[in-house]
Amino acid sequence: MLHYSTRAMNTDCLLILRVDEANDERAGRTALTRAAARVDEYEQAFSRFRPGSSLSRLNEDPSDRVQVSAGFAALLARALEYARLTGGVFDPLVLDNLEALGYDRTFEEVSSGVQTRHPVAAPCARWTLVQVDARRGFVTRPPGARIDLGGVAKGAAADAAMAELASFPGALIDLGGDIRAHGQPDDAEGWIVAVDEPAGPHVASLDYVKLRDGAVATSSVHKRRWMRNGRTVHHIIDPRSGQPASSGVVQCTAIADTAEHADVAAKVGLILGVGSLLEDDEMSCALGLRGVAWVTADGGYLCTPGWRSYAVGC
């Protein structure tokens, strides 16, 4: 088993690869390097904390029509489709709301306690006014409409990195909790993924799931939280109010076909609350959803029937 660790997209990244006789160690290390490079490409394009990123340049451009790369246009088009599919519960235009709450720098800087001044943002409802011409590579949006693709870009990066490793018998990519699995490790029938307590990975694990080909992602109100004007806030914004989600759920974990889909589903499941996602409804089918588990503020742990088919005792 080969391991590759790095820091990208404002999180810790781990890539694990199983090699065999047909794919020797040297080929595996080359593939891991390519996979890590794909993650870096997504950071260069979609990080809102890099002044020169494609996303930053788009948000700073005063024009209402801006040319972007084909890859950028494709991801934004998918994000807008997720907004349509979820009735705006997933919304790529909540950046102003995040910054109004103080999340205008990397989380390490925000959590240091130094506050900046931002006006209170109004509820977001502008994603319907954003248009993407994927063929020509143009984004059209109202003046001042600013985009954040952080979570969905992280899931997409995990999927892109996995494409570099798909010819090997087993691989796992963990980008700060957005996990994509393929095949199996050399000592088990599948990859065992722990679902941690909301308080953090060093406390305890709530559950374990076994994956061979698929993805897991978790959204939590505890992972990125800070004090703002005397109250505790977090980074999962409910676009309907423009404020941090308050559904009574503190953590939602989703199993799906891709990391991008799992990331979207976990965020939507946290915002809407327990029972909001079922494996057989239209939205869940479109997201390739296989199972969901919720942790409530009072300590409850609830999951869908599909989730239980992946859960294992360890």
C-alpha atoms as a PDB file:
ATOM      1  CA  MET A   1       0.000   0.000   0.000  1.00  0.00           C
ATOM      2  CA  LEU A   2       1.327   3.400  -0.989  1.00  0.00           C
ATOM      3  CA  HIS A   3       0.451   6.585   0.889  1.00  0.00           C
ATOM      4  CA  TYR A   4       0.647  10.217  -0.224  1.00  0.00           C
ATOM      5  CA  SER A   5      -0.176  13.083   2.152  1.00  0.00           C
ATOM      6  CA  THR A   6      -0.434  16.755   1.314  1.00  0.00           C
ATOM      7  CA  ARG A   7      -2.242  19.943   2.268  1.00  0.00           C
ATOM      8  CA  ALA A   8      -4.620  21.409  -0.294  1.00  0.00           C
ATOM      9  CA  MET A   9      -8.015  23.127  -0.536  1.00  0.00           C
ATOM     10  CA  ASN A  10      -7.627  24.349   3.047  1.00  0.00           C
ATOM     11  CA  THR A  11      -7.625  20.798   4.414  1.00  0.00           C
ATOM     12  CA  ASP A  12      -5.486  17.699   4.967  1.00  0.00           C
ATOM     13  CA  CYS A  13      -5.442  15.299   2.023  1.00  0.00           C
ATOM     14  CA  LEU A  14      -4.584  11.592   2.030  1.00  0.00           C
ATOM     15  CA  LEU A  15      -4.263   9.324  -0.998  1.00  0.00           C
ATOM     16  CA  ILE A  16      -3.852   5.545  -0.556  1.00  0.00           C
ATOM     17  CA  LEU A  17      -3.118   3.168  -3.409  1.00  0.00           C
ATOM     18  CA  ARG A  18      -2.901  -0.607  -3.666  1.00  0.00           C
ATOM     19  CA  VAL A  19      -0.498  -1.946  -6.267  1.00  0.00           C
ATOM     20  CA  ASP A  20      -0.029  -5.478  -7.605  1.00  0.00           C
ATOM     21  CA  GLU A  21       2.115  -7.379 -10.101  1.00  0.00           C
ATOM     22  CA  ALA A  22       0.492  -5.656 -13.068  1.00  0.00           C
ATOM     23  CA  ASN A  23       1.074  -2.209 -11.533  1.00  0.00           C
ATOM     24  CA  ASP A  24       4.384  -1.974  -9.725  1.00  0.00           C
ATOM     25  CA  GLU A  25       5.319   0.475  -6.977  1.00  0.00           C
ATOM     26  CA  ARG A  26       7.046   2.892  -9.325  1.00  0.00           C
ATOM     27  CA  ALA A  27       3.960   3.150 -11.516  1.00  0.00           C
ATOM     28  CA  GLY A  28       1.861   3.607  -8.399  1.00  0.00           C
ATOM     29  CA  ARG A  29       3.944   6.504  -7.121  1.00  0.00           C
ATOM     30  CA  THR A  30       3.742   8.161 -10.521  1.00  0.00           C
ATOM     31  CA  ALA A  31      -0.033   7.776 -10.491  1.00  0.00           C
ATOM     32  CA  LEU A  32      -0.262   9.223  -6.966  1.00  0.00           C
ATOM     33  CA  THR A  33       1.745  12.240  -8.085  1.00  0.00           C
ATOM     34  CA  ARG A  34      -0.658  12.760 -10.988  1.00  0.00           C
ATOM     35  CA  ALA A  35      -3.655  12.402  -8.678  1.00  0.00           C
ATOM     36  CA  ALA A  36      -2.233  14.953  -6.227  1.00  0.00           C
ATOM     37  CA  ALA A  37      -1.606  17.308  -9.152  1.00  0.00           C
ATOM     38  CA  ARG A  38      -5.295  17.099 -10.075  1.00  0.00           C
ATOM     39  CA  VAL A  39      -6.229  18.183  -6.545  1.00  0.00           C
ATOM     40  CA  ASP A  40      -3.833  21.105  -6.853  1.00  0.00           C
ATOM     41  CA  GLU A  41      -5.449  22.095 -10.166  1.00  0.00           C
ATOM     42  CA  TYR A  42      -8.825  22.344  -8.432  1.00  0.00           C
ATOM     43  CA  GLU A  43      -7.355  24.463  -5.674  1.00  0.00           C
ATOM     44  CA  GLN A  44      -5.761  26.789  -8.224  1.00  0.00           C
ATOM     45  CA  ALA A  45      -9.118  27.176  -9.968  1.00  0.00           C
ATOM     46  CA  PHE A  46     -11.692  27.156  -7.160  1.00  0.00           C
ATOM     47  CA  SER A  47     -10.093  28.430  -3.942  1.00  0.00           C
ATOM     48  CA  ARG A  48     -11.633  31.686  -2.763  1.00  0.00           C
ATOM     49  CA  PHE A  49      -8.587  32.233  -0.558  1.00  0.00           C
ATOM     50  CA  ARG A  50      -6.165  32.462  -3.499  1.00  0.00           C
ATOM     51  CA  PRO A  51      -6.243  35.956  -5.037  1.00  0.00           C
ATOM     52  CA  GLY A  52      -5.219  34.614  -8.437  1.00  0.00           C
ATOM     53  CA  SER A  53      -7.607  31.672  -8.617  1.00  0.00           C
ATOM     54  CA  SER A  54     -10.163  31.487 -11.407  1.00  0.00           C
ATOM     55  CA  LEU A  55     -12.929  31.843  -8.823  1.00  0.00           C
ATOM     56  CA  SER A  56     -11.373  34.944  -7.254  1.00  0.00           C
ATOM     57  CA  ARG A  57     -10.890  36.554 -10.649  1.00  0.00           C
ATOM     58  CA  LEU A  58     -14.537  35.886 -11.535  1.00  0.00           C
ATOM     59  CA  ASN A  59     -15.785  37.332  -8.251  1.00  0.00           C
ATOM     60  CA  GLU A  60     -13.621  40.436  -8.613  1.00  0.00           C
ATOM     61  CA  ASP A  61     -14.566  41.100 -12.234  1.00  0.00           C
ATOM     62  CA  PRO A  62     -17.136  43.940 -12.422  1.00  0.00           C
ATOM     63  CA  SER A  63     -18.473  42.724 -15.774  1.00  0.00           C
ATOM     64  CA  ASP A  64     -21.755  40.864 -15.892  1.00  0.00           C
ATOM     65  CA  ARG A  65     -20.331  38.447 -18.506  1.00  0.00           C
ATOM     66  CA  VAL A  66     -16.982  36.798 -17.822  1.00  0.00           C
ATOM     67  CA  GLN A  67     -15.069  34.179 -19.786  1.00  0.00           C
ATOM     68  CA  VAL A  68     -13.883  31.130 -17.819  1.00  0.00           C
ATOM     69  CA  SER A  69     -12.200  27.830 -18.595  1.00  0.00           C
ATOM     70  CA  ALA A  70     -14.192  24.849 -19.826  1.00  0.00           C
ATOM     71  CA  GLY A  71     -13.605  23.010 -16.546  1.00  0.00           C
ATOM     72  CA  PHE A  72     -14.768  25.969 -14.487  1.00  0.00           C
ATOM     73  CA  ALA A  73     -17.890  26.388 -16.609  1.00  0.00           C
ATOM     74  CA  ALA A  74     -18.695  22.686 -16.301  1.00  0.00           C
ATOM     75  CA  LEU A  75     -18.475  22.640 -12.488  1.00  0.00           C
ATOM     76  CA  LEU A  76     -20.470  25.848 -12.093  1.00  0.00           C
ATOM     77  CA  ALA A  77     -23.121  24.483 -14.460  1.00  0.00           C
ATOM     78  CA  ARG A  78     -23.399  21.358 -12.313  1.00  0.00           C
ATOM     79  CA  ALA A  79     -23.617  23.483  -9.143  1.00  0.00           C
ATOM     80  CA  LEU A  80     -26.492  25.445 -10.642  1.00  0.00           C
ATOM     81  CA  GLU A  81     -28.208  22.185 -11.565  1.00  0.00           C
ATOM     82  CA  TYR A  82     -27.875  21.051  -7.928  1.00  0.00           C
ATOM     83  CA  ALA A  83     -29.472  24.356  -6.909  1.00  0.00           C
ATOM     84  CA  ARG A  84     -32.374  23.694  -9.270  1.00  0.00           C
ATOM     85  CA  LEU A  85     -32.680  20.091  -8.133  1.00  0.00           C
ATOM     86  CA  THR A  86     -32.812  21.058  -4.443  1.00  0.00           C
ATOM     87  CA  GLY A  87     -35.008  24.116  -4.857  1.00  0.00           C
ATOM     88  CA  GLY A  88     -32.120  26.381  -3.897  1.00  0.00           C
ATOM     89  CA  VAL A  89     -31.220  24.575  -0.664  1.00  0.00           C
ATOM     90  CA  PHE A  90     -27.843  23.959  -2.244  1.00  0.00           C
ATOM     91  CA  ASP A  91     -26.763  27.408  -3.419  1.00  0.00           C
ATOM     92  CA  PRO A  92     -23.363  28.417  -4.847  1.00  0.00           C
ATOM     93  CA  LEU A  93     -24.092  32.097  -4.158  1.00  0.00           C
ATOM     94  CA  VAL A  94     -23.821  32.244  -0.367  1.00  0.00           C
ATOM     95  CA  LEU A  95     -20.362  33.827  -0.278  1.00  0.00           C
ATOM     96  CA  ASP A  96     -21.658  37.212   0.892  1.00  0.00           C
ATOM     97  CA  ASN A  97     -23.482  35.486   3.753  1.00  0.00           C
ATOM     98  CA  LEU A  98     -20.343  33.632   4.808  1.00  0.00           C
ATOM     99  CA  GLU A  99     -18.287  36.788   4.765  1.00  0.00           C
ATOM    100  CA  ALA A 100     -20.955  38.723   6.681  1.00  0.00           C
ATOM    101  CA  LEU A 101     -20.510  36.128   9.429  1.00  0.00           C
ATOM    102  CA  GLY A 102     -16.738  36.680   9.393  1.00  0.00           C
ATOM    103  CA  TYR A 103     -15.601  33.780   7.219  1.00  0.00           C
ATOM    104  CA  ASP A 104     -13.682  36.045   4.859  1.00  0.00           C
ATOM    105  CA  ARG A 105     -10.266  34.463   5.429  1.00  0.00           C
ATOM    106  CA  THR A 106      -8.981  30.932   5.864  1.00  0.00           C
ATOM    107  CA  PHE A 107     -10.605  29.174   8.794  1.00  0.00           C
ATOM    108  CA  GLU A 108      -7.341  29.185  10.734  1.00  0.00           C
ATOM    109  CA  GLU A 109      -7.393  32.985  10.620  1.00  0.00           C
ATOM    110  CA  VAL A 110     -11.116  33.200  11.406  1.00  0.00           C
ATOM    111  CA  SER A 111     -10.803  30.893  14.424  1.00  0.00           C
ATOM    112  CA  SER A 112      -7.968  33.042  15.815  1.00  0.00           C
ATOM    113  CA  GLY A 113     -10.683  35.385  17.062  1.00  0.00           C
ATOM    114  CA  VAL A 114      -9.828  38.543  15.132  1.00  0.00           C
ATOM    115  CA  GLN A 115     -13.033  39.945  13.639  1.00  0.00           C
ATOM    116  CA  THR A 116     -13.560  42.002  10.527  1.00  0.00           C
ATOM    117  CA  ARG A 117     -16.510  44.222   9.715  1.00  0.00           C
ATOM    118  CA  HIS A 118     -19.066  43.148   7.132  1.00  0.00           C
ATOM    119  CA  PRO A 119     -22.656  44.204   6.526  1.00  0.00           C
ATOM    120  CA  VAL A 120     -25.407  41.727   7.311  1.00  0.00           C
ATOM    121  CA  ALA A 121     -26.227  39.840   4.111  1.00  0.00           C
ATOM    122  CA  ALA A 122     -29.777  39.331   2.899  1.00  0.00           C
ATOM    123  CA  PRO A 123     -31.162  35.832   2.168  1.00  0.00           C
ATOM    124  CA  CYS A 124     -29.748  34.409  -1.062  1.00  0.00           C
ATOM    125  CA  ALA A 125     -32.108  33.896  -3.962  1.00  0.00           C
ATOM    126  CA  ARG A 126     -30.039  34.853  -6.971  1.00  0.00           C
ATOM    127  CA  TRP A 127     -28.746  31.576  -8.309  1.00  0.00           C
ATOM    128  CA  THR A 128     -31.582  31.560 -10.862  1.00  0.00           C
ATOM    129  CA  LEU A 129     -30.066  34.683 -12.456  1.00  0.00           C
ATOM    130  CA  VAL A 130     -26.697  33.033 -13.128  1.00  0.00           C
ATOM    131  CA  GLN A 131     -26.222  31.497 -16.548  1.00  0.00           C
ATOM    132  CA  VAL A 132     -23.381  29.393 -17.917  1.00  0.00           C
ATOM    133  CA  ASP A 133     -22.562  29.020 -21.588  1.00  0.00           C
ATOM    134  CA  ALA A 134     -20.452  25.877 -21.271  1.00  0.00           C
ATOM    135  CA  ARG A 135     -19.782  25.648 -25.006  1.00  0.00           C
ATOM    136  CA  ARG A 136     -18.308  29.127 -25.262  1.00  0.00           C
ATOM    137  CA  GLY A 137     -17.027  29.326 -21.686  1.00  0.00           C
ATOM    138  CA  PHE A 138     -18.968  32.353 -20.444  1.00  0.00           C
ATOM    139  CA  VAL A 139     -20.618  33.054 -17.095  1.00  0.00           C
ATOM    140  CA  THR A 140     -23.335  35.697 -16.955  1.00  0.00           C
ATOM    141  CA  ARG A 141     -24.543  36.950 -13.575  1.00  0.00           C
ATOM    142  CA  PRO A 142     -25.940  40.107 -11.998  1.00  0.00           C
ATOM    143  CA  PRO A 143     -23.376  42.706 -10.881  1.00  0.00           C
ATOM    144  CA  GLY A 144     -22.166  41.866  -7.402  1.00  0.00           C
ATOM    145  CA  ALA A 145     -23.292  38.231  -7.482  1.00  0.00           C
ATOM    146  CA  ARG A 146     -20.353  36.320  -5.994  1.00  0.00           C
ATOM    147  CA  ILE A 147     -19.851  32.572  -6.113  1.00  0.00           C
ATOM    148  CA  ASP A 148     -18.417  30.014  -3.683  1.00  0.00           C
ATOM    149  CA  LEU A 149     -17.749  26.496  -4.971  1.00  0.00           C
ATOM    150  CA  GLY A 150     -15.617  25.295  -2.062  1.00  0.00           C
ATOM    151  CA  GLY A 151     -17.415  22.120  -0.949  1.00  0.00           C
ATOM    152  CA  VAL A 152     -18.563  20.882  -4.328  1.00  0.00           C
ATOM    153  CA  ALA A 153     -15.116  21.630  -5.796  1.00  0.00           C
ATOM    154  CA  LYS A 154     -13.502  19.520  -3.077  1.00  0.00           C
ATOM    155  CA  GLY A 155     -15.746  16.594  -3.958  1.00  0.00           C
ATOM    156  CA  ALA A 156     -15.049  17.095  -7.653  1.00  0.00           C
ATOM    157  CA  ALA A 157     -11.312  17.167  -6.926  1.00  0.00           C
ATOM    158  CA  ALA A 158     -11.538  13.808  -5.151  1.00  0.00           C
ATOM    159  CA  ASP A 159     -13.353  12.347  -8.157  1.00  0.00           C
ATOM    160  CA  ALA A 160     -10.805  13.798 -10.595  1.00  0.00           C
ATOM    161  CA  ALA A 161      -7.925  12.423  -8.545  1.00  0.00           C
ATOM    162  CA  MET A 162      -9.544   8.988  -8.448  1.00  0.00           C
ATOM    163  CA  ALA A 163      -9.708   8.980 -12.258  1.00  0.00           C
ATOM    164  CA  GLU A 164      -5.889   8.856 -12.198  1.00  0.00           C
ATOM    165  CA  LEU A 165      -5.947   5.757  -9.975  1.00  0.00           C
ATOM    166  CA  ALA A 166      -8.836   3.777 -11.465  1.00  0.00           C
ATOM    167  CA  SER A 167      -6.590   1.254 -13.245  1.00  0.00           C
ATOM    168  CA  PHE A 168      -5.177   0.000  -9.934  1.00  0.00           C
ATOM    169  CA  PRO A 169      -6.881  -2.729  -7.851  1.00  0.00           C
ATOM    170  CA  GLY A 170      -7.665  -0.396  -4.964  1.00  0.00           C
ATOM    171  CA  ALA A 171      -7.489   3.276  -4.016  1.00  0.00           C
ATOM    172  CA  LEU A 172      -8.907   5.672  -1.463  1.00  0.00           C
ATOM    173  CA  ILE A 173      -8.825   9.467  -1.505  1.00  0.00           C
ATOM    174  CA  ASP A 174      -9.691  11.532   1.571  1.00  0.00           C
ATOM    175  CA  LEU A 175      -9.872  15.290   1.055  1.00  0.00           C
ATOM    176  CA  GLY A 176     -10.795  16.551   4.481  1.00  0.00           C
ATOM    177  CA  GLY A 177     -13.706  14.132   4.862  1.00  0.00           C
ATOM    178  CA  ASP A 178     -14.768  13.971   1.221  1.00  0.00           C
ATOM    179  CA  ILE A 179     -13.834  10.337   0.570  1.00  0.00           C
ATOM    180  CA  ARG A 180     -13.812   8.471  -2.738  1.00  0.00           C
ATOM    181  CA  ALA A 181     -13.095   4.723  -2.768  1.00  0.00           C
ATOM    182  CA  HIS A 182     -12.288   2.249  -5.524  1.00  0.00           C
ATOM    183  CA  GLY A 183     -11.662  -1.492  -5.374  1.00  0.00           C
ATOM    184  CA  GLN A 184     -10.303  -2.798  -2.110  1.00  0.00           C
ATOM    185  CA  PRO A 185      -7.196  -2.669   0.095  1.00  0.00           C
ATOM    186  CA  ASP A 186      -4.863  -5.651   0.262  1.00  0.00           C
ATOM    187  CA  ASP A 187      -6.184  -6.910   3.604  1.00  0.00           C
ATOM    188  CA  ALA A 188      -9.983  -6.572   3.366  1.00  0.00           C
ATOM    189  CA  GLU A 189     -12.942  -6.907   1.001  1.00  0.00           C
ATOM    190  CA  GLY A 190     -13.555  -3.169   1.035  1.00  0.00           C
ATOM    191  CA  TRP A 191     -12.467   0.138   2.495  1.00  0.00           C
ATOM    192  CA  ILE A 192     -13.670   0.699   6.060  1.00  0.00           C
ATOM    193  CA  VAL A 193     -14.594   4.340   6.663  1.00  0.00           C
ATOM    194  CA  ALA A 194     -15.263   5.611  10.178  1.00  0.00           C
ATOM    195  CA  VAL A 195     -18.048   8.108  10.861  1.00  0.00           C
ATOM    196  CA  ASP A 196     -16.760  10.245  13.701  1.00  0.00           C
ATOM    197  CA  GLU A 197     -18.643  11.859  16.542  1.00  0.00           C
ATOM    198  CA  PRO A 198     -19.509  15.477  15.706  1.00  0.00           C
ATOM    199  CA  ALA A 199     -17.088  16.644  18.394  1.00  0.00           C
ATOM    200  CA  GLY A 200     -14.149  15.374  16.346  1.00  0.00           C
ATOM    201  CA  PRO A 201     -12.093  12.389  15.163  1.00  0.00           C
ATOM    202  CA  HIS A 202     -10.204  12.013  18.440  1.00  0.00           C
ATOM    203  CA  VAL A 203     -13.339  11.471  20.522  1.00  0.00           C
ATOM    204  CA  ALA A 204     -15.057   8.345  19.177  1.00  0.00           C
ATOM    205  CA  SER A 205     -16.558   6.805  16.067  1.00  0.00           C
ATOM    206  CA  LEU A 206     -20.318   6.571  15.724  1.00  0.00           C
ATOM    207  CA  ASP A 207     -20.369   4.037  12.932  1.00  0.00           C
ATOM    208  CA  TYR A 208     -18.347   2.358  10.191  1.00  0.00           C
ATOM    209  CA  VAL A 209     -19.267   1.773   6.569  1.00  0.00           C
ATOM    210  CA  LYS A 210     -17.656  -0.502   3.995  1.00  0.00           C
ATOM    211  CA  LEU A 211     -17.118   0.786   0.468  1.00  0.00           C
ATOM    212  CA  ARG A 212     -15.686  -0.742  -2.672  1.00  0.00           C
ATOM    213  CA  ASP A 213     -16.727   1.802  -5.272  1.00  0.00           C
ATOM    214  CA  GLY A 214     -18.422   4.934  -4.091  1.00  0.00           C
ATOM    215  CA  ALA A 215     -18.013   7.956  -1.872  1.00  0.00           C
ATOM    216  CA  VAL A 216     -18.762   9.301   1.595  1.00  0.00           C
ATOM    217  CA  ALA A 217     -18.974  12.940   2.681  1.00  0.00           C
ATOM    218  CA  THR A 218     -19.912  14.613   5.955  1.00  0.00           C
ATOM    219  CA  SER A 219     -21.266  18.070   6.719  1.00  0.00           C
ATOM    220  CA  SER A 220     -21.047  19.207  10.333  1.00  0.00           C
ATOM    221  CA  VAL A 221     -21.854  22.393  12.213  1.00  0.00           C
ATOM    222  CA  HIS A 222     -18.974  21.630  14.598  1.00  0.00           C
ATOM    223  CA  LYS A 223     -16.130  21.369  12.125  1.00  0.00           C
ATOM    224  CA  ARG A 224     -15.894  25.064  11.245  1.00  0.00           C
ATOM    225  CA  ARG A 225     -17.466  27.244  13.911  1.00  0.00           C
ATOM    226  CA  TRP A 226     -16.450  30.494  15.533  1.00  0.00           C
ATOM    227  CA  MET A 227     -17.722  33.409  17.604  1.00  0.00           C
ATOM    228  CA  ARG A 228     -19.350  36.349  15.839  1.00  0.00           C
ATOM    229  CA  ASN A 229     -20.829  39.283  17.772  1.00  0.00           C
ATOM    230  CA  GLY A 230     -21.188  37.198  20.908  1.00  0.00           C
ATOM    231  CA  ARG A 231     -22.772  34.106  19.328  1.00  0.00           C
ATOM    232  CA  THR A 232     -21.460  30.852  17.929  1.00  0.00           C
ATOM    233  CA  VAL A 233     -21.881  30.536  14.177  1.00  0.00           C
ATOM    234  CA  HIS A 234     -20.844  27.924  11.597  1.00  0.00           C
ATOM    235  CA  HIS A 235     -20.182  27.694   7.874  1.00  0.00           C
ATOM    236  CA  ILE A 236     -23.224  25.722   6.648  1.00  0.00           C
ATOM    237  CA  ILE A 237     -25.517  28.475   5.370  1.00  0.00           C
ATOM    238  CA  ASP A 238     -29.231  27.959   4.853  1.00  0.00           C
ATOM    239  CA  PRO A 239     -29.857  30.044   1.704  1.00  0.00           C
ATOM    240  CA  ARG A 240     -33.490  30.536   2.692  1.00  0.00           C
ATOM    241  CA  SER A 241     -32.463  32.680   5.669  1.00  0.00           C
ATOM    242  CA  GLY A 242     -28.892  33.620   4.832  1.00  0.00           C
ATOM    243  CA  GLN A 243     -27.937  32.393   8.312  1.00  0.00           C
ATOM    244  CA  PRO A 244     -26.232  29.235   9.632  1.00  0.00           C
ATOM    245  CA  ALA A 245     -28.463  26.176   9.279  1.00  0.00           C
ATOM    246  CA  SER A 246     -30.570  25.368  12.346  1.00  0.00           C
ATOM    247  CA  SER A 247     -32.518  22.223  11.465  1.00  0.00           C
ATOM    248  CA  GLY A 248     -31.735  20.429  14.702  1.00  0.00           C
ATOM    249  CA  VAL A 249     -29.118  18.320  12.894  1.00  0.00           C
ATOM    250  CA  VAL A 250     -25.470  18.854  13.823  1.00  0.00           C
ATOM    251  CA  GLN A 251     -23.982  16.345  11.366  1.00  0.00           C
ATOM    252  CA  CYS A 252     -25.090  14.606   8.181  1.00  0.00           C
ATOM    253  CA  THR A 253     -23.123  11.934   6.332  1.00  0.00           C
ATOM    254  CA  ALA A 254     -24.068  10.734   2.857  1.00  0.00           C
ATOM    255  CA  ILE A 255     -22.971   7.747   0.774  1.00  0.00           C
ATOM    256  CA  ALA A 256     -23.244   8.305  -2.983  1.00  0.00           C
ATOM    257  CA  ASP A 257     -21.767   7.280  -6.301  1.00  0.00           C
ATOM    258  CA  THR A 258     -19.284  10.186  -6.428  1.00  0.00           C
ATOM    259  CA  ALA A 259     -17.653  12.467  -3.874  1.00  0.00           C
ATOM    260  CA  GLU A 260     -19.189  15.485  -5.578  1.00  0.00           C
ATOM    261  CA  HIS A 261     -22.678  14.041  -5.176  1.00  0.00           C
ATOM    262  CA  ALA A 262     -22.004  12.935  -1.596  1.00  0.00           C
ATOM    263  CA  ASP A 263     -20.790  16.417  -0.655  1.00  0.00           C
ATOM    264  CA  VAL A 264     -23.937  18.057  -2.046  1.00  0.00           C
ATOM    265  CA  ALA A 265     -26.253  15.491  -0.428  1.00  0.00           C
ATOM    266  CA  ALA A 266     -24.600  15.819   3.002  1.00  0.00           C
ATOM    267  CA  LYS A 267     -24.991  19.598   2.959  1.00  0.00           C
ATOM    268  CA  VAL A 268     -28.625  19.426   1.841  1.00  0.00           C
ATOM    269  CA  GLY A 269     -29.390  16.741   4.426  1.00  0.00           C
ATOM    270  CA  LEU A 270     -27.953  18.898   7.200  1.00  0.00           C
ATOM    271  CA  ILE A 271     -29.860  22.013   6.141  1.00  0.00           C
ATOM    272  CA  LEU A 272     -33.217  20.248   5.693  1.00  0.00           C
ATOM    273  CA  GLY A 273     -32.895  17.904   8.665  1.00  0.00           C
ATOM    274  CA  VAL A 274     -33.721  14.308   9.539  1.00  0.00           C
ATOM    275  CA  GLY A 275     -35.673  12.362   6.930  1.00  0.00           C
ATOM    276  CA  SER A 276     -35.187  14.969   4.211  1.00  0.00           C
ATOM    277  CA  LEU A 277     -33.336  12.555   1.921  1.00  0.00           C
ATOM    278  CA  LEU A 278     -34.588   9.098   0.969  1.00  0.00           C
ATOM    279  CA  GLU A 279     -32.782   6.807  -1.458  1.00  0.00           C
ATOM    280  CA  ASP A 280     -35.779   6.480  -3.773  1.00  0.00           C
ATOM    281  CA  ASP A 281     -36.938  10.086  -4.208  1.00  0.00           C
ATOM    282  CA  GLU A 282     -36.186  12.101  -7.345  1.00  0.00           C
ATOM    283  CA  MET A 283     -33.555  14.350  -5.820  1.00  0.00           C
ATOM    284  CA  SER A 284     -31.676  11.480  -4.185  1.00  0.00           C
ATOM    285  CA  CYS A 285     -31.714   9.387  -7.359  1.00  0.00           C
ATOM    286  CA  ALA A 286     -30.269  12.301  -9.316  1.00  0.00           C
ATOM    287  CA  LEU A 287     -27.483  12.549  -6.723  1.00  0.00           C
ATOM    288  CA  GLY A 288     -26.700   8.837  -6.850  1.00  0.00           C
ATOM    289  CA  LEU A 289     -27.544   8.624  -3.157  1.00  0.00           C
ATOM    290  CA  ARG A 290     -27.091   5.271  -1.430  1.00  0.00           C
ATOM    291  CA  GLY A 291     -27.574   6.108   2.248  1.00  0.00           C
ATOM    292  CA  VAL A 292     -27.728   8.928   4.788  1.00  0.00           C
ATOM    293  CA  ALA A 293     -27.069   9.198   8.520  1.00  0.00           C
ATOM    294  CA  TRP A 294     -27.938  12.155  10.746  1.00  0.00           C
ATOM    295  CA  VAL A 295     -26.749  13.189  14.208  1.00  0.00           C
ATOM    296  CA  THR A 296     -29.166  15.481  16.022  1.00  0.00           C
ATOM    297  CA  ALA A 297     -28.414  18.180  18.571  1.00  0.00           C
ATOM    298  CA  ASP A 298     -29.799  16.008  21.383  1.00  0.00           C
ATOM    299  CA  GLY A 299     -27.431  13.148  20.513  1.00  0.00           C
ATOM    300  CA  GLY A 300     -29.781  11.081  18.360  1.00  0.00           C
ATOM    301  CA  TYR A 301     -28.372   8.986  15.520  1.00  0.00           C
ATOM    302  CA  LEU A 302     -30.729   8.101  12.666  1.00  0.00           C
ATOM    303  CA  CYS A 303     -30.071   6.534   9.295  1.00  0.00           C
ATOM    304  CA  THR A 304     -31.873   5.380   6.164  1.00  0.00           C
ATOM    305  CA  PRO A 305     -32.337   1.717   5.176  1.00  0.00           C
ATOM    306  CA  GLY A 306     -29.749   2.149   2.430  1.00  0.00           C
ATOM    307  CA  TRP A 307     -27.183   3.313   4.965  1.00  0.00           C
ATOM    308  CA  ARG A 308     -27.655   0.198   7.053  1.00  0.00           C
ATOM    309  CA  SER A 309     -26.710  -1.973   4.062  1.00  0.00           C
ATOM    310  CA  TYR A 310     -23.221  -0.381   4.143  1.00  0.00           C
ATOM    311  CA  ALA A 311     -22.766  -0.263   7.926  1.00  0.00           C
ATOM    312  CA  VAL A 312     -20.425  -2.809   9.482  1.00  0.00           C
ATOM    313  CA  GLY A 313     -19.400  -3.672  13.008  1.00  0.00           C
ATOM    314  CA  CYS A 314     -15.738  -3.120  13.860  1.00  0.00           C
END
